[in-house]
């Protein structure tokens, strides 16, 4: 999927889940946006501050007390890709990062990552 004019004004190719595509098609069928996929009531694109407000309301409705922002969703996406074994170079490309150092911040150790490590000794037939 091509995202135009994303974060930092960059165009990038990223993933679109089949489940999300189904939901987006249903959304489109119901709301029939004219230009922007998610349009404000006056048919304009949402501002960054409006998106932050929408997320804040969603966090409140779901009773999530941890601080989060739309950027948190990007970080979570990248972290989950890494935990599932996606190569850092692919994550770098999907996220639109120009430097590998930016992507490497996702290599922080998580309990899930550590629990999945198998000792090389367990592969020996002894």
Protein backbone atom coordinates (compact mmCIF):
# COMPACT_ATOMS: atom_id res chain seq x y z
CA UNK A 1 0.00 0.00 0.00
CA UNK A 2 1.31 3.45 -0.88
CA UNK A 3 0.93 6.20 1.72
CA UNK A 4 1.33 9.67 0.25
CA UNK A 5 2.54 12.65 2.23
CA UNK A 6 2.91 10.70 5.47
CA UNK A 7 4.93 11.65 8.52
CA UNK A 8 7.59 14.15 7.53
CA UNK A 9 5.83 14.75 4.20
CA UNK A 10 7.24 11.47 2.86
CA UNK A 11 5.62 8.95 0.53
CA UNK A 12 6.20 5.34 1.55
CA UNK A 13 5.05 1.82 0.91
CA UNK A 14 3.75 -0.07 3.92
CA UNK A 15 1.58 -3.01 4.89
CA UNK A 16 -2.20 -3.12 4.87
CA UNK A 17 -3.69 -6.08 6.67
CA UNK A 18 -6.40 -8.03 4.89
CA UNK A 19 -8.64 -7.59 7.94
CA UNK A 20 -8.14 -3.82 7.88
CA UNK A 21 -8.83 -3.70 4.14
CA UNK A 22 -12.19 -5.38 4.76
CA UNK A 23 -13.04 -2.81 7.46
CA UNK A 24 -11.91 0.10 5.27
CA UNK A 25 -14.05 -1.09 2.36
CA UNK A 26 -17.08 -1.23 4.65
CA UNK A 27 -16.27 2.24 6.00
CA UNK A 28 -15.93 3.58 2.45
CA UNK A 29 -19.21 1.99 1.38
CA UNK A 30 -21.05 3.67 4.27
CA UNK A 31 -19.41 7.13 4.36
CA UNK A 32 -18.33 7.66 0.72
CA UNK A 33 -15.51 10.12 1.41
CA UNK A 34 -14.91 12.52 -1.47
CA UNK A 35 -11.16 13.16 -1.33
CA UNK A 36 -9.62 12.12 1.99
CA UNK A 37 -10.26 8.62 3.31
CA UNK A 38 -10.99 10.09 6.74
CA UNK A 39 -12.57 13.49 6.28
CA UNK A 40 -13.74 16.00 8.84
CA UNK A 41 -17.45 16.94 8.79
CA UNK A 42 -16.61 19.84 6.45
CA UNK A 43 -14.88 17.43 3.99
CA UNK A 44 -11.33 18.51 4.85
CA UNK A 45 -8.44 16.41 6.08
CA UNK A 46 -7.98 16.08 9.82
CA UNK A 47 -5.22 18.12 11.42
CA UNK A 48 -2.56 16.47 13.58
CA UNK A 49 -4.11 18.02 16.68
CA UNK A 50 -7.54 16.62 15.76
CA UNK A 51 -6.05 13.13 15.37
CA UNK A 52 -4.39 13.45 18.79
CA UNK A 53 -7.76 14.45 20.30
CA UNK A 54 -9.49 11.47 18.68
CA UNK A 55 -6.86 9.15 20.13
CA UNK A 56 -7.12 10.76 23.56
CA UNK A 57 -10.90 10.20 23.55
CA UNK A 58 -10.43 6.59 22.44
CA UNK A 59 -7.96 5.97 25.28
CA UNK A 60 -10.41 7.46 27.76
CA UNK A 61 -13.35 5.37 26.45
CA UNK A 62 -11.31 2.17 26.69
CA UNK A 63 -10.05 3.14 30.17
CA UNK A 64 -6.41 2.92 29.05
CA UNK A 65 -4.49 5.10 31.50
CA UNK A 66 -1.05 4.85 29.92
CA UNK A 67 0.09 7.92 27.97
CA UNK A 68 -0.09 7.25 24.23
CA UNK A 69 -0.16 9.21 20.99
CA UNK A 70 -0.54 8.39 17.30
CA UNK A 71 3.25 8.03 17.26
CA UNK A 72 2.87 5.28 19.88
CA UNK A 73 0.91 3.28 17.30
CA UNK A 74 3.81 3.55 14.82
CA UNK A 75 6.28 2.41 17.47
CA UNK A 76 4.03 -0.48 18.49
CA UNK A 77 3.65 -1.57 14.86
CA UNK A 78 7.43 -1.62 14.38
CA UNK A 79 8.01 -3.40 17.69
CA UNK A 80 5.50 -6.12 16.83
CA UNK A 81 7.11 -6.62 13.42
CA UNK A 82 10.49 -7.03 15.10
CA UNK A 83 9.11 -9.45 17.70
CA UNK A 84 7.67 -11.57 14.89
CA UNK A 85 11.10 -11.83 13.26
CA UNK A 86 10.92 -9.15 10.55
CA UNK A 87 14.39 -8.03 9.47
CA UNK A 88 15.33 -4.52 10.64
CA UNK A 89 16.04 -3.44 7.05
CA UNK A 90 12.43 -4.17 6.07
CA UNK A 91 11.11 -2.37 9.13
CA UNK A 92 13.31 0.61 8.25
CA UNK A 93 11.80 0.72 4.77
CA UNK A 94 8.20 0.25 5.93
CA UNK A 95 8.53 2.98 8.55
CA UNK A 96 10.25 5.37 6.15
CA UNK A 97 13.39 5.79 8.21
CA UNK A 98 16.47 7.06 6.42
CA UNK A 99 18.94 5.83 9.02
CA UNK A 100 19.34 2.37 10.52
CA UNK A 101 20.00 3.95 13.94
CA UNK A 102 16.38 5.14 14.00
CA UNK A 103 15.14 1.59 13.44
CA UNK A 104 17.53 0.09 15.97
CA UNK A 105 15.65 1.73 18.83
CA UNK A 106 13.07 -1.04 18.41
CA UNK A 107 15.63 -3.65 19.40
CA UNK A 108 15.06 -2.92 23.09
CA UNK A 109 14.64 -6.12 25.05
CA UNK A 110 11.09 -7.16 25.81
CA UNK A 111 9.97 -10.06 27.97
CA UNK A 112 8.36 -11.67 24.93
CA UNK A 113 11.64 -11.47 23.01
CA UNK A 114 13.69 -12.95 25.84
CA UNK A 115 11.17 -15.76 26.46
CA UNK A 116 11.45 -16.82 22.82
CA UNK A 117 15.21 -17.34 22.90
CA UNK A 118 16.23 -20.99 22.79
CA UNK A 119 19.61 -22.04 24.13
CA UNK A 120 21.89 -23.52 21.44
CA UNK A 121 22.48 -26.38 23.87
CA UNK A 122 18.85 -27.41 23.48
CA UNK A 123 19.57 -28.23 19.83
CA UNK A 124 22.28 -30.75 20.72
CA UNK A 125 21.46 -34.43 20.76
CA UNK A 126 23.04 -35.30 24.10
